[in-house]
Amino acid sequence: MSPKNPSSEWLVQALAAVIRKQRLALGMTQQMLADTAGLDRSYIISIEHGQRNLSYTTLVQIAASLKLQASELVRLAEQSSADLS
């Protein structure tokens, strides 16, 4: 997985990890995140397992629930992925 190709699976996986990490840092359950983002818990689970490629709208909803801007979530995901390469 290479951060040189933004359409690659690496960003989906990195974003999943960042979302989970931020959720846990805030002491939120998956249900709490789902409720505040207006999403289903099973959808949050699939996001955190890297099984979903998020729409921008969903990314914004999740970011707001995690007290971040969508751009910050993406930046953290890109940074964590770059740290691994």
PDB file of N, CA and C in Angstrom:
ATOM      1  N   MET A   1       0.833  -1.173   0.000  1.00  0.00           N
ATOM      2  CA  MET A   1       0.000   0.000   0.000  1.00  0.00           C
ATOM      3  C   MET A   1       0.880   1.239   0.000  1.00  0.00           C
ATOM      4  N   SER A   2       0.624   2.122  -0.919  1.00  0.00           N
ATOM      5  CA  SER A   2       1.476   3.280  -1.067  1.00  0.00           C
ATOM      6  C   SER A   2       0.703   4.584  -0.954  1.00  0.00           C
ATOM      7  N   PRO A   3       1.207   5.547  -0.157  1.00  0.00           N
ATOM      8  CA  PRO A   3       0.530   6.826  -0.044  1.00  0.00           C
ATOM      9  C   PRO A   3       0.643   7.667  -1.304  1.00  0.00           C
ATOM     10  N   LYS A   4       1.351   7.184  -2.318  1.00  0.00           N
ATOM     11  CA  LYS A   4       1.478   7.935  -3.563  1.00  0.00           C
ATOM     12  C   LYS A   4       0.203   7.879  -4.399  1.00  0.00           C
ATOM     13  N   ASN A   5      -0.661   6.914  -4.147  1.00  0.00           N
ATOM     14  CA  ASN A   5      -1.904   6.768  -4.894  1.00  0.00           C
ATOM     15  C   ASN A   5      -3.085   6.981  -3.948  1.00  0.00           C
ATOM     16  N   PRO A   6      -3.665   8.206  -3.959  1.00  0.00           N
ATOM     17  CA  PRO A   6      -4.718   8.511  -2.997  1.00  0.00           C
ATOM     18  C   PRO A   6      -5.985   7.681  -3.157  1.00  0.00           C
ATOM     19  N   SER A   7      -6.143   6.976  -4.246  1.00  0.00           N
ATOM     20  CA  SER A   7      -7.330   6.146  -4.411  1.00  0.00           C
ATOM     21  C   SER A   7      -7.109   4.736  -3.868  1.00  0.00           C
ATOM     22  N   SER A   8      -5.945   4.490  -3.353  1.00  0.00           N
ATOM     23  CA  SER A   8      -5.588   3.160  -2.862  1.00  0.00           C
ATOM     24  C   SER A   8      -6.242   2.832  -1.543  1.00  0.00           C
ATOM     25  N   GLU A   9      -6.223   1.575  -1.242  1.00  0.00           N
ATOM     26  CA  GLU A   9      -6.770   1.034  -0.003  1.00  0.00           C
ATOM     27  C   GLU A   9      -6.085   1.604   1.232  1.00  0.00           C
ATOM     28  N   TRP A  10      -4.855   2.057   1.104  1.00  0.00           N
ATOM     29  CA  TRP A  10      -4.109   2.545   2.263  1.00  0.00           C
ATOM     30  C   TRP A  10      -4.837   3.677   2.979  1.00  0.00           C
ATOM     31  N   LEU A  11      -5.464   4.582   2.241  1.00  0.00           N
ATOM     32  CA  LEU A  11      -6.140   5.707   2.897  1.00  0.00           C
ATOM     33  C   LEU A  11      -7.386   5.241   3.640  1.00  0.00           C
ATOM     34  N   VAL A  12      -8.113   4.303   3.069  1.00  0.00           N
ATOM     35  CA  VAL A  12      -9.300   3.767   3.737  1.00  0.00           C
ATOM     36  C   VAL A  12      -8.892   3.131   5.065  1.00  0.00           C
ATOM     37  N   GLN A  13      -7.825   2.344   5.053  1.00  0.00           N
ATOM     38  CA  GLN A  13      -7.346   1.684   6.269  1.00  0.00           C
ATOM     39  C   GLN A  13      -6.817   2.699   7.283  1.00  0.00           C
ATOM     40  N   ALA A  14      -6.058   3.668   6.821  1.00  0.00           N
ATOM     41  CA  ALA A  14      -5.506   4.688   7.719  1.00  0.00           C
ATOM     42  C   ALA A  14      -6.616   5.535   8.324  1.00  0.00           C
ATOM     43  N   LEU A  15      -7.597   5.884   7.529  1.00  0.00           N
ATOM     44  CA  LEU A  15      -8.725   6.669   8.018  1.00  0.00           C
ATOM     45  C   LEU A  15      -9.520   5.877   9.054  1.00  0.00           C
ATOM     46  N   ALA A  16      -9.702   4.596   8.804  1.00  0.00           N
ATOM     47  CA  ALA A  16     -10.396   3.728   9.761  1.00  0.00           C
ATOM     48  C   ALA A  16      -9.685   3.738  11.113  1.00  0.00           C
ATOM     49  N   ALA A  17      -8.370   3.626  11.082  1.00  0.00           N
ATOM     50  CA  ALA A  17      -7.585   3.607  12.322  1.00  0.00           C
ATOM     51  C   ALA A  17      -7.664   4.940  13.057  1.00  0.00           C
ATOM     52  N   VAL A  18      -7.621   6.031  12.319  1.00  0.00           N
ATOM     53  CA  VAL A  18      -7.681   7.357  12.934  1.00  0.00           C
ATOM     54  C   VAL A  18      -9.057   7.597  13.557  1.00  0.00           C
ATOM     55  N   ILE A  19     -10.105   7.196  12.869  1.00  0.00           N
ATOM     56  CA  ILE A  19     -11.459   7.360  13.407  1.00  0.00           C
ATOM     57  C   ILE A  19     -11.596   6.582  14.707  1.00  0.00           C
ATOM     58  N   ARG A  20     -11.155   5.339  14.697  1.00  0.00           N
ATOM     59  CA  ARG A  20     -11.249   4.511  15.903  1.00  0.00           C
ATOM     60  C   ARG A  20     -10.425   5.109  17.040  1.00  0.00           C
ATOM     61  N   LYS A  21      -9.210   5.524  16.741  1.00  0.00           N
ATOM     62  CA  LYS A  21      -8.327   6.101  17.759  1.00  0.00           C
ATOM     63  C   LYS A  21      -8.949   7.354  18.368  1.00  0.00           C
ATOM     64  N   GLN A  22      -9.481   8.230  17.544  1.00  0.00           N
ATOM     65  CA  GLN A  22     -10.083   9.460  18.040  1.00  0.00           C
ATOM     66  C   GLN A  22     -11.344   9.164  18.857  1.00  0.00           C
ATOM     67  N   ARG A  23     -12.151   8.224  18.379  1.00  0.00           N
ATOM     68  CA  ARG A  23     -13.361   7.830  19.111  1.00  0.00           C
ATOM     69  C   ARG A  23     -13.002   7.333  20.505  1.00  0.00           C
ATOM     70  N   LEU A  24     -12.009   6.462  20.579  1.00  0.00           N
ATOM     71  CA  LEU A  24     -11.588   5.921  21.872  1.00  0.00           C
ATOM     72  C   LEU A  24     -10.985   7.004  22.770  1.00  0.00           C
ATOM     73  N   ALA A  25     -10.236   7.926  22.177  1.00  0.00           N
ATOM     74  CA  ALA A  25      -9.640   9.023  22.947  1.00  0.00           C
ATOM     75  C   ALA A  25     -10.713   9.903  23.589  1.00  0.00           C
ATOM     76  N   LEU A  26     -11.858   9.997  22.922  1.00  0.00           N
ATOM     77  CA  LEU A  26     -12.974  10.785  23.452  1.00  0.00           C
ATOM     78  C   LEU A  26     -13.862   9.967  24.386  1.00  0.00           C
ATOM     79  N   GLY A  27     -13.541   8.691  24.562  1.00  0.00           N
ATOM     80  CA  GLY A  27     -14.326   7.827  25.436  1.00  0.00           C
ATOM     81  C   GLY A  27     -15.689   7.481  24.863  1.00  0.00           C
ATOM     82  N   MET A  28     -15.776   7.478  23.547  1.00  0.00           N
ATOM     83  CA  MET A  28     -17.046   7.186  22.881  1.00  0.00           C
ATOM     84  C   MET A  28     -17.122   5.721  22.481  1.00  0.00           C
ATOM     85  N   THR A  29     -18.321   5.168  22.585  1.00  0.00           N
ATOM     86  CA  THR A  29     -18.566   3.840  22.037  1.00  0.00           C
ATOM     87  C   THR A  29     -18.909   4.008  20.555  1.00  0.00           C
ATOM     88  N   GLN A  30     -18.935   2.894  19.847  1.00  0.00           N
ATOM     89  CA  GLN A  30     -19.353   2.958  18.444  1.00  0.00           C
ATOM     90  C   GLN A  30     -20.799   3.433  18.340  1.00  0.00           C
ATOM     91  N   GLN A  31     -21.617   3.036  19.286  1.00  0.00           N
ATOM     92  CA  GLN A  31     -23.018   3.476  19.286  1.00  0.00           C
ATOM     93  C   GLN A  31     -23.124   4.985  19.498  1.00  0.00           C
ATOM     94  N   MET A  32     -22.317   5.516  20.397  1.00  0.00           N
ATOM     95  CA  MET A  32     -22.335   6.958  20.639  1.00  0.00           C
ATOM     96  C   MET A  32     -21.914   7.723  19.378  1.00  0.00           C
ATOM     97  N   LEU A  33     -20.871   7.233  18.721  1.00  0.00           N
ATOM     98  CA  LEU A  33     -20.429   7.882  17.488  1.00  0.00           C
ATOM     99  C   LEU A  33     -21.517   7.799  16.431  1.00  0.00           C
ATOM    100  N   ALA A  34     -22.117   6.647  16.296  1.00  0.00           N
ATOM    101  CA  ALA A  34     -23.195   6.472  15.324  1.00  0.00           C
ATOM    102  C   ALA A  34     -24.339   7.435  15.599  1.00  0.00           C
ATOM    103  N   ASP A  35     -24.736   7.528  16.855  1.00  0.00           N
ATOM    104  CA  ASP A  35     -25.846   8.403  17.222  1.00  0.00           C
ATOM    105  C   ASP A  35     -25.542   9.867  16.926  1.00  0.00           C
ATOM    106  N   THR A  36     -24.356  10.328  17.307  1.00  0.00           N
ATOM    107  CA  THR A  36     -24.026  11.741  17.097  1.00  0.00           C
ATOM    108  C   THR A  36     -23.796  12.070  15.627  1.00  0.00           C
ATOM    109  N   ALA A  37     -23.356  11.081  14.852  1.00  0.00           N
ATOM    110  CA  ALA A  37     -23.124  11.301  13.413  1.00  0.00           C
ATOM    111  C   ALA A  37     -24.371  11.038  12.581  1.00  0.00           C
ATOM    112  N   GLY A  38     -25.413  10.497  13.203  1.00  0.00           N
ATOM    113  CA  GLY A  38     -26.634  10.189  12.465  1.00  0.00           C
ATOM    114  C   GLY A  38     -26.482   8.983  11.549  1.00  0.00           C
ATOM    115  N   LEU A  39     -25.678   8.027  11.995  1.00  0.00           N
ATOM    116  CA  LEU A  39     -25.405   6.825  11.207  1.00  0.00           C
ATOM    117  C   LEU A  39     -25.766   5.585  12.018  1.00  0.00           C
ATOM    118  N   ASP A  40     -25.800   4.461  11.364  1.00  0.00           N
ATOM    119  CA  ASP A  40     -26.068   3.194  12.024  1.00  0.00           C
ATOM    120  C   ASP A  40     -24.778   2.636  12.627  1.00  0.00           C
ATOM    121  N   ARG A  41     -24.884   1.979  13.771  1.00  0.00           N
ATOM    122  CA  ARG A  41     -23.713   1.401  14.420  1.00  0.00           C
ATOM    123  C   ARG A  41     -22.993   0.402  13.515  1.00  0.00           C
ATOM    124  N   SER A  42     -23.740  -0.390  12.778  1.00  0.00           N
ATOM    125  CA  SER A  42     -23.105  -1.371  11.894  1.00  0.00           C
ATOM    126  C   SER A  42     -22.289  -0.672  10.801  1.00  0.00           C
ATOM    127  N   TYR A  43     -22.714   0.509  10.416  1.00  0.00           N
ATOM    128  CA  TYR A  43     -21.964   1.288   9.418  1.00  0.00           C
ATOM    129  C   TYR A  43     -20.650   1.781  10.026  1.00  0.00           C
ATOM    130  N   ILE A  44     -20.702   2.244  11.264  1.00  0.00           N
ATOM    131  CA  ILE A  44     -19.482   2.679  11.971  1.00  0.00           C
ATOM    132  C   ILE A  44     -18.518   1.508  12.106  1.00  0.00           C
ATOM    133  N   ILE A  45     -19.039   0.346  12.444  1.00  0.00           N
ATOM    134  CA  ILE A  45     -18.192  -0.849  12.558  1.00  0.00           C
ATOM    135  C   ILE A  45     -17.492  -1.134  11.234  1.00  0.00           C
ATOM    136  N   SER A  46     -18.230  -1.086  10.136  1.00  0.00           N
ATOM    137  CA  SER A  46     -17.618  -1.375   8.831  1.00  0.00           C
ATOM    138  C   SER A  46     -16.608  -0.303   8.443  1.00  0.00           C
ATOM    139  N   ILE A  47     -16.836   0.932   8.852  1.00  0.00           N
ATOM    140  CA  ILE A  47     -15.860   2.002   8.597  1.00  0.00           C
ATOM    141  C   ILE A  47     -14.582   1.712   9.374  1.00  0.00           C
ATOM    142  N   GLU A  48     -14.723   1.399  10.658  1.00  0.00           N
ATOM    143  CA  GLU A  48     -13.550   1.154  11.499  1.00  0.00           C
ATOM    144  C   GLU A  48     -12.787  -0.112  11.101  1.00  0.00           C
ATOM    145  N   HIS A  49     -13.418  -0.999  10.385  1.00  0.00           N
ATOM    146  CA  HIS A  49     -12.735  -2.184   9.875  1.00  0.00           C
ATOM    147  C   HIS A  49     -12.166  -1.949   8.474  1.00  0.00           C
ATOM    148  N   GLY A  50     -12.281  -0.730   7.978  1.00  0.00           N
ATOM    149  CA  GLY A  50     -11.730  -0.393   6.665  1.00  0.00           C
ATOM    150  C   GLY A  50     -12.493  -1.013   5.512  1.00  0.00           C
ATOM    151  N   GLN A  51     -13.770  -1.302   5.727  1.00  0.00           N
ATOM    152  CA  GLN A  51     -14.586  -1.931   4.698  1.00  0.00           C
ATOM    153  C   GLN A  51     -15.422  -0.933   3.907  1.00  0.00           C
ATOM    154  N   ARG A  52     -15.332   0.328   4.263  1.00  0.00           N
ATOM    155  CA  ARG A  52     -16.127   1.363   3.595  1.00  0.00           C
ATOM    156  C   ARG A  52     -15.233   2.484   3.094  1.00  0.00           C
ATOM    157  N   ASN A  53     -15.501   2.919   1.894  1.00  0.00           N
ATOM    158  CA  ASN A  53     -14.867   4.111   1.342  1.00  0.00           C
ATOM    159  C   ASN A  53     -15.875   5.233   1.562  1.00  0.00           C
ATOM    160  N   LEU A  54     -15.579   6.125   2.480  1.00  0.00           N
ATOM    161  CA  LEU A  54     -16.535   7.135   2.920  1.00  0.00           C
ATOM    162  C   LEU A  54     -16.831   8.200   1.876  1.00  0.00           C
ATOM    163  N   SER A  55     -18.082   8.619   1.844  1.00  0.00           N
ATOM    164  CA  SER A  55     -18.430   9.797   1.054  1.00  0.00           C
ATOM    165  C   SER A  55     -17.962  11.022   1.837  1.00  0.00           C
ATOM    166  N   TYR A  56     -17.859  12.130   1.163  1.00  0.00           N
ATOM    167  CA  TYR A  56     -17.443  13.363   1.835  1.00  0.00           C
ATOM    168  C   TYR A  56     -18.451  13.734   2.921  1.00  0.00           C
ATOM    169  N   THR A  57     -19.730  13.587   2.636  1.00  0.00           N
ATOM    170  CA  THR A  57     -20.770  13.913   3.603  1.00  0.00           C
ATOM    171  C   THR A  57     -20.611  13.086   4.873  1.00  0.00           C
ATOM    172  N   THR A  58     -20.383  11.802   4.727  1.00  0.00           N
ATOM    173  CA  THR A  58     -20.203  10.922   5.881  1.00  0.00           C
ATOM    174  C   THR A  58     -18.936  11.287   6.640  1.00  0.00           C
ATOM    175  N   LEU A  59     -17.879  11.604   5.921  1.00  0.00           N
ATOM    176  CA  LEU A  59     -16.625  12.008   6.548  1.00  0.00           C
ATOM    177  C   LEU A  59     -16.835  13.256   7.402  1.00  0.00           C
ATOM    178  N   VAL A  60     -17.579  14.224   6.878  1.00  0.00           N
ATOM    179  CA  VAL A  60     -17.862  15.456   7.618  1.00  0.00           C
ATOM    180  C   VAL A  60     -18.693  15.157   8.862  1.00  0.00           C
ATOM    181  N   GLN A  61     -19.691  14.296   8.739  1.00  0.00           N
ATOM    182  CA  GLN A  61     -20.537  13.938   9.884  1.00  0.00           C
ATOM    183  C   GLN A  61     -19.716  13.269  10.984  1.00  0.00           C
ATOM    184  N   ILE A  62     -18.877  12.345  10.596  1.00  0.00           N
ATOM    185  CA  ILE A  62     -18.049  11.632  11.580  1.00  0.00           C
ATOM    186  C   ILE A  62     -17.039  12.585  12.207  1.00  0.00           C
ATOM    187  N   ALA A  63     -16.394  13.388  11.394  1.00  0.00           N
ATOM    188  CA  ALA A  63     -15.408  14.339  11.906  1.00  0.00           C
ATOM    189  C   ALA A  63     -16.038  15.275  12.929  1.00  0.00           C
ATOM    190  N   ALA A  64     -17.205  15.811  12.622  1.00  0.00           N
ATOM    191  CA  ALA A  64     -17.882  16.716  13.560  1.00  0.00           C
ATOM    192  C   ALA A  64     -18.183  16.008  14.873  1.00  0.00           C
ATOM    193  N   SER A  65     -18.597  14.762  14.792  1.00  0.00           N
ATOM    194  CA  SER A  65     -18.879  13.980  15.998  1.00  0.00           C
ATOM    195  C   SER A  65     -17.622  13.735  16.817  1.00  0.00           C
ATOM    196  N   LEU A  66     -16.483  13.698  16.139  1.00  0.00           N
ATOM    197  CA  LEU A  66     -15.196  13.484  16.801  1.00  0.00           C
ATOM    198  C   LEU A  66     -14.497  14.795  17.151  1.00  0.00           C
ATOM    199  N   LYS A  67     -15.232  15.901  16.977  1.00  0.00           N
ATOM    200  CA  LYS A  67     -14.724  17.241  17.312  1.00  0.00           C
ATOM    201  C   LYS A  67     -13.512  17.639  16.472  1.00  0.00           C
ATOM    202  N   LEU A  68     -13.541  17.230  15.199  1.00  0.00           N
ATOM    203  CA  LEU A  68     -12.487  17.569  14.245  1.00  0.00           C
ATOM    204  C   LEU A  68     -13.114  18.065  12.946  1.00  0.00           C
ATOM    205  N   GLN A  69     -12.302  18.704  12.142  1.00  0.00           N
ATOM    206  CA  GLN A  69     -12.692  19.031  10.772  1.00  0.00           C
ATOM    207  C   GLN A  69     -12.378  17.803   9.906  1.00  0.00           C
ATOM    208  N   ALA A  70     -13.111  17.639   8.827  1.00  0.00           N
ATOM    209  CA  ALA A  70     -12.861  16.519   7.918  1.00  0.00           C
ATOM    210  C   ALA A  70     -11.420  16.561   7.405  1.00  0.00           C
ATOM    211  N   SER A  71     -10.933  17.752   7.117  1.00  0.00           N
ATOM    212  CA  SER A  71      -9.566  17.887   6.615  1.00  0.00           C
ATOM    213  C   SER A  71      -8.543  17.399   7.644  1.00  0.00           C
ATOM    214  N   GLU A  72      -8.848  17.592   8.922  1.00  0.00           N
ATOM    215  CA  GLU A  72      -7.943  17.131   9.973  1.00  0.00           C
ATOM    216  C   GLU A  72      -7.929  15.605  10.050  1.00  0.00           C
ATOM    217  N   LEU A  73      -9.084  14.986   9.889  1.00  0.00           N
ATOM    218  CA  LEU A  73      -9.137  13.513   9.866  1.00  0.00           C
ATOM    219  C   LEU A  73      -8.292  12.966   8.723  1.00  0.00           C
ATOM    220  N   VAL A  74      -8.447  13.559   7.553  1.00  0.00           N
ATOM    221  CA  VAL A  74      -7.680  13.108   6.385  1.00  0.00           C
ATOM    222  C   VAL A  74      -6.190  13.349   6.606  1.00  0.00           C
ATOM    223  N   ARG A  75      -5.840  14.507   7.154  1.00  0.00           N
ATOM    224  CA  ARG A  75      -4.427  14.816   7.405  1.00  0.00           C
ATOM    225  C   ARG A  75      -3.817  13.803   8.374  1.00  0.00           C
ATOM    226  N   LEU A  76      -4.551  13.491   9.439  1.00  0.00           N
ATOM    227  CA  LEU A  76      -4.054  12.502  10.398  1.00  0.00           C
ATOM    228  C   LEU A  76      -3.896  11.132   9.758  1.00  0.00           C
ATOM    229  N   ALA A  77      -4.837  10.754   8.898  1.00  0.00           N
ATOM    230  CA  ALA A  77      -4.751   9.472   8.203  1.00  0.00           C
ATOM    231  C   ALA A  77      -3.550   9.438   7.263  1.00  0.00           C
ATOM    232  N   GLU A  78      -3.354  10.517   6.526  1.00  0.00           N
ATOM    233  CA  GLU A  78      -2.207  10.588   5.616  1.00  0.00           C
ATOM    234  C   GLU A  78      -0.905  10.550   6.385  1.00  0.00           C
ATOM    235  N   GLN A  79      -0.856  11.260   7.507  1.00  0.00           N
ATOM    236  CA  GLN A  79       0.351  11.296   8.340  1.00  0.00           C
ATOM    237  C   GLN A  79       0.653   9.920   8.924  1.00  0.00           C
ATOM    238  N   SER A  80      -0.372   9.246   9.440  1.00  0.00           N
ATOM    239  CA  SER A  80      -0.144   7.926  10.028  1.00  0.00           C
ATOM    240  C   SER A  80       0.307   6.928   8.973  1.00  0.00           C
ATOM    241  N   SER A  81      -0.233   7.049   7.777  1.00  0.00           N
ATOM    242  CA  SER A  81       0.164   6.156   6.695  1.00  0.00           C
ATOM    243  C   SER A  81       1.590   6.437   6.251  1.00  0.00           C
ATOM    244  N   ALA A  82       1.961   7.715   6.200  1.00  0.00           N
ATOM    245  CA  ALA A  82       3.318   8.079   5.801  1.00  0.00           C
ATOM    246  C   ALA A  82       4.320   7.604   6.857  1.00  0.00           C
ATOM    247  N   ASP A  83       3.922   7.641   8.122  1.00  0.00           N
ATOM    248  CA  ASP A  83       4.803   7.178   9.195  1.00  0.00           C
ATOM    249  C   ASP A  83       5.101   5.689   9.074  1.00  0.00           C
ATOM    250  N   LEU A  84       4.170   4.943   8.478  1.00  0.00           N
ATOM    251  CA  LEU A  84       4.345   3.501   8.327  1.00  0.00           C
ATOM    252  C   LEU A  84       5.215   3.131   7.124  1.00  0.00           C
ATOM    253  N   SER A  85       5.333   4.051   6.174  1.00  0.00           N
ATOM    254  CA  SER A  85       6.098   3.707   4.957  1.00  0.00           C
ATOM    255  C   SER A  85       7.554   4.078   5.065  1.00  0.00           C
TER     256      SER A  85
END
